[in-house]
Amino acid sequence: MGKASFITINCRGEMEEDHEDNGIVDQPSAERIVWLLIKQFNRNEVSMYGKEASRRRVTNIKFEGESNLHIWEKTNLVTKMMQGTPYDAYKCKTCGVTGKRFGLNEHIPRDKKYKHPRYRDCDWKK
């Protein structure tokens, strides 16, 4: 787990540094959570103050901390075929768990020998 640090800019161009540490595990989750926080803040401001509300923009979202998620690295140079379906083989740089990505999907399912929930992240090696 970690935290997201970010900078908000109000309607007058003033910058303010802030952070959030609830449920942040990696850069994508940091970005998602910070955008939702700012969206909710702006919605609350408009409902309380009307059109002259101070809307904020967000910039420089950074994840700070250690992620225990797999860091996938492609192991084959050329896309392989399995029963007419293209796939790429991947291996986690940190713990060695393997998986296959089918088509252009972003999700990489773990291979059968790593299906147990303990292999969900890299903590199983510790």
C-alpha atoms as a PDB file:
ATOM      1  CA  MET A   1       0.000   0.000   0.000  1.00  0.00           C
ATOM      2  CA  GLY A   2       1.057   3.560  -0.569  1.00  0.00           C
ATOM      3  CA  LYS A   3      -0.308   7.026  -1.052  1.00  0.00           C
ATOM      4  CA  ALA A   4      -1.019   9.359  -3.933  1.00  0.00           C
ATOM      5  CA  SER A   5       0.417  12.850  -3.868  1.00  0.00           C
ATOM      6  CA  PHE A   6      -1.067  15.403  -6.231  1.00  0.00           C
ATOM      7  CA  ILE A   7      -1.373  19.109  -6.913  1.00  0.00           C
ATOM      8  CA  THR A   8      -4.715  20.865  -7.360  1.00  0.00           C
ATOM      9  CA  ILE A   9      -5.176  24.184  -9.130  1.00  0.00           C
ATOM     10  CA  ASN A  10      -8.150  26.354  -8.227  1.00  0.00           C
ATOM     11  CA  CYS A  11     -10.003  28.760 -10.536  1.00  0.00           C
ATOM     12  CA  ARG A  12      -7.629  31.601  -9.568  1.00  0.00           C
ATOM     13  CA  GLY A  13      -4.585  29.565 -10.652  1.00  0.00           C
ATOM     14  CA  GLU A  14      -3.343  28.948  -7.112  1.00  0.00           C
ATOM     15  CA  MET A  15      -1.660  25.585  -6.533  1.00  0.00           C
ATOM     16  CA  GLU A  16      -2.118  23.400  -3.480  1.00  0.00           C
ATOM     17  CA  GLU A  17      -0.348  20.108  -2.700  1.00  0.00           C
ATOM     18  CA  ASP A  18      -2.351  17.278  -1.147  1.00  0.00           C
ATOM     19  CA  HIS A  19      -2.309  13.509  -0.677  1.00  0.00           C
ATOM     20  CA  GLU A  20      -4.678  10.558  -0.289  1.00  0.00           C
ATOM     21  CA  ASP A  21      -3.780   7.193   1.226  1.00  0.00           C
ATOM     22  CA  ASN A  22      -7.032   5.227   1.191  1.00  0.00           C
ATOM     23  CA  GLY A  23      -6.859   2.088  -1.001  1.00  0.00           C
ATOM     24  CA  ILE A  24      -3.909   3.193  -3.146  1.00  0.00           C
ATOM     25  CA  VAL A  25      -1.918   0.192  -4.392  1.00  0.00           C
ATOM     26  CA  ASP A  26      -0.393   1.396  -7.685  1.00  0.00           C
ATOM     27  CA  GLN A  27      -0.266   4.312 -10.150  1.00  0.00           C
ATOM     28  CA  PRO A  28      -3.554   3.471 -11.976  1.00  0.00           C
ATOM     29  CA  SER A  29      -5.483   3.206  -8.691  1.00  0.00           C
ATOM     30  CA  ALA A  30      -3.884   6.477  -7.516  1.00  0.00           C
ATOM     31  CA  GLU A  31      -5.074   8.264 -10.659  1.00  0.00           C
ATOM     32  CA  ARG A  32      -8.571   6.783 -10.463  1.00  0.00           C
ATOM     33  CA  ILE A  33      -9.075   7.675  -6.798  1.00  0.00           C
ATOM     34  CA  VAL A  34      -7.679  11.219  -7.104  1.00  0.00           C
ATOM     35  CA  TRP A  35      -9.871  11.991 -10.138  1.00  0.00           C
ATOM     36  CA  LEU A  36     -12.931  10.744  -8.246  1.00  0.00           C
ATOM     37  CA  LEU A  37     -12.025  12.885  -5.214  1.00  0.00           C
ATOM     38  CA  ILE A  38     -11.662  16.030  -7.329  1.00  0.00           C
ATOM     39  CA  LYS A  39     -14.862  15.289  -9.248  1.00  0.00           C
ATOM     40  CA  GLN A  40     -16.759  14.893  -5.946  1.00  0.00           C
ATOM     41  CA  PHE A  41     -15.159  18.071  -4.530  1.00  0.00           C
ATOM     42  CA  ASN A  42     -16.233  20.102  -7.584  1.00  0.00           C
ATOM     43  CA  ARG A  43     -19.763  18.672  -7.450  1.00  0.00           C
ATOM     44  CA  ASN A  44     -20.082  19.604  -3.750  1.00  0.00           C
ATOM     45  CA  GLU A  45     -18.737  23.125  -4.369  1.00  0.00           C
ATOM     46  CA  VAL A  46     -21.247  23.771  -7.170  1.00  0.00           C
ATOM     47  CA  SER A  47     -24.151  22.474  -5.082  1.00  0.00           C
ATOM     48  CA  MET A  48     -23.166  24.734  -2.161  1.00  0.00           C
ATOM     49  CA  TYR A  49     -22.059  27.934  -3.956  1.00  0.00           C
ATOM     50  CA  GLY A  50     -23.647  27.774  -7.390  1.00  0.00           C
ATOM     51  CA  LYS A  51     -21.909  28.981 -10.557  1.00  0.00           C
ATOM     52  CA  GLU A  52     -19.306  31.046  -8.713  1.00  0.00           C
ATOM     53  CA  ALA A  53     -17.928  27.903  -7.018  1.00  0.00           C
ATOM     54  CA  SER A  54     -14.176  27.340  -6.903  1.00  0.00           C
ATOM     55  CA  ARG A  55     -13.603  24.456  -9.307  1.00  0.00           C
ATOM     56  CA  ARG A  56     -10.326  22.583  -9.040  1.00  0.00           C
ATOM     57  CA  ARG A  57      -8.190  20.841 -11.627  1.00  0.00           C
ATOM     58  CA  VAL A  58      -5.680  18.194 -10.708  1.00  0.00           C
ATOM     59  CA  THR A  59      -2.138  17.676 -11.965  1.00  0.00           C
ATOM     60  CA  ASN A  60       1.019  15.669 -11.131  1.00  0.00           C
ATOM     61  CA  ILE A  61      -0.561  12.559  -9.629  1.00  0.00           C
ATOM     62  CA  LYS A  62       2.202  10.315  -8.261  1.00  0.00           C
ATOM     63  CA  PHE A  63       2.049   6.967  -6.503  1.00  0.00           C
ATOM     64  CA  GLU A  64       4.393   6.770  -3.509  1.00  0.00           C
ATOM     65  CA  GLY A  65       4.993   3.415  -1.854  1.00  0.00           C
ATOM     66  CA  GLU A  66       5.647  -0.202  -2.642  1.00  0.00           C
ATOM     67  CA  SER A  67       3.267  -2.047  -4.898  1.00  0.00           C
ATOM     68  CA  ASN A  68       2.856  -5.761  -4.355  1.00  0.00           C
ATOM     69  CA  LEU A  69       1.178  -6.278  -7.737  1.00  0.00           C
ATOM     70  CA  HIS A  70       2.806  -8.380 -10.433  1.00  0.00           C
ATOM     71  CA  ILE A  71       5.114  -6.562 -12.846  1.00  0.00           C
ATOM     72  CA  TRP A  72       4.539  -8.484 -16.070  1.00  0.00           C
ATOM     73  CA  GLU A  73       7.263  -8.888 -18.680  1.00  0.00           C
ATOM     74  CA  LYS A  74       6.606 -10.451 -22.098  1.00  0.00           C
ATOM     75  CA  THR A  75       8.701 -13.607 -22.593  1.00  0.00           C
ATOM     76  CA  ASN A  76       8.069 -14.382 -26.265  1.00  0.00           C
ATOM     77  CA  LEU A  77       9.261 -12.254 -29.196  1.00  0.00           C
ATOM     78  CA  VAL A  78       6.482 -13.293 -31.567  1.00  0.00           C
ATOM     79  CA  THR A  79       2.819 -13.733 -30.654  1.00  0.00           C
ATOM     80  CA  LYS A  80       1.926 -17.435 -30.318  1.00  0.00           C
ATOM     81  CA  MET A  81      -1.257 -19.236 -31.369  1.00  0.00           C
ATOM     82  CA  MET A  82      -3.360 -21.655 -29.299  1.00  0.00           C
ATOM     83  CA  GLN A  83      -6.354 -23.260 -31.037  1.00  0.00           C
ATOM     84  CA  GLY A  84      -6.541 -20.325 -33.457  1.00  0.00           C
ATOM     85  CA  THR A  85      -6.349 -17.673 -30.710  1.00  0.00           C
ATOM     86  CA  PRO A  86      -3.303 -15.376 -30.510  1.00  0.00           C
ATOM     87  CA  TYR A  87      -1.631 -15.013 -27.102  1.00  0.00           C
ATOM     88  CA  ASP A  88       1.538 -13.685 -25.476  1.00  0.00           C
ATOM     89  CA  ALA A  89       3.327 -15.367 -22.566  1.00  0.00           C
ATOM     90  CA  TYR A  90       4.279 -13.224 -19.559  1.00  0.00           C
ATOM     91  CA  LYS A  91       6.339 -13.684 -16.401  1.00  0.00           C
ATOM     92  CA  CYS A  92       6.380 -11.509 -13.282  1.00  0.00           C
ATOM     93  CA  LYS A  93       9.765  -9.799 -12.857  1.00  0.00           C
ATOM     94  CA  THR A  94       9.475  -9.938  -9.076  1.00  0.00           C
ATOM     95  CA  CYS A  95       8.238 -13.416  -8.181  1.00  0.00           C
ATOM     96  CA  GLY A  96       8.292 -15.515 -11.364  1.00  0.00           C
ATOM     97  CA  VAL A  97       4.546 -16.211 -11.678  1.00  0.00           C
ATOM     98  CA  THR A  98       3.599 -16.856 -15.319  1.00  0.00           C
ATOM     99  CA  GLY A  99       0.485 -15.996 -17.296  1.00  0.00           C
ATOM    100  CA  LYS A 100      -0.917 -15.550 -20.788  1.00  0.00           C
ATOM    101  CA  ARG A 101      -2.585 -12.540 -22.391  1.00  0.00           C
ATOM    102  CA  PHE A 102      -5.066 -13.459 -25.109  1.00  0.00           C
ATOM    103  CA  GLY A 103      -5.770 -11.020 -27.941  1.00  0.00           C
ATOM    104  CA  LEU A 104      -5.465  -7.319 -27.073  1.00  0.00           C
ATOM    105  CA  ASN A 105      -6.919  -7.716 -23.593  1.00  0.00           C
ATOM    106  CA  GLU A 106      -5.094  -5.779 -20.830  1.00  0.00           C
ATOM    107  CA  HIS A 107      -5.756  -8.476 -18.221  1.00  0.00           C
ATOM    108  CA  ILE A 108      -3.134 -11.242 -17.885  1.00  0.00           C
ATOM    109  CA  PRO A 109      -4.631 -14.364 -16.254  1.00  0.00           C
ATOM    110  CA  ARG A 110      -2.183 -16.480 -14.257  1.00  0.00           C
ATOM    111  CA  ASP A 111      -1.325 -19.972 -15.539  1.00  0.00           C
ATOM    112  CA  LYS A 112      -3.151 -22.952 -13.983  1.00  0.00           C
ATOM    113  CA  LYS A 113      -0.350 -23.815 -11.568  1.00  0.00           C
ATOM    114  CA  TYR A 114      -0.630 -20.277 -10.095  1.00  0.00           C
ATOM    115  CA  LYS A 115      -4.454 -20.113  -9.830  1.00  0.00           C
ATOM    116  CA  HIS A 116      -4.473 -20.345  -6.012  1.00  0.00           C
ATOM    117  CA  PRO A 117      -5.458 -16.970  -4.464  1.00  0.00           C
ATOM    118  CA  ARG A 118      -2.113 -16.735  -2.638  1.00  0.00           C
ATOM    119  CA  TYR A 119      -0.458 -16.000  -6.021  1.00  0.00           C
ATOM    120  CA  ARG A 120      -2.736 -12.987  -6.653  1.00  0.00           C
ATOM    121  CA  ASP A 121       0.120 -10.628  -5.783  1.00  0.00           C
ATOM    122  CA  CYS A 122       3.862 -10.846  -5.091  1.00  0.00           C
ATOM    123  CA  ASP A 123       3.499 -11.205  -1.288  1.00  0.00           C
ATOM    124  CA  TRP A 124       3.405 -15.029  -1.527  1.00  0.00           C
ATOM    125  CA  LYS A 125       7.235 -15.201  -1.791  1.00  0.00           C
ATOM    126  CA  LYS A 126       7.784 -13.523   1.585  1.00  0.00           C
END
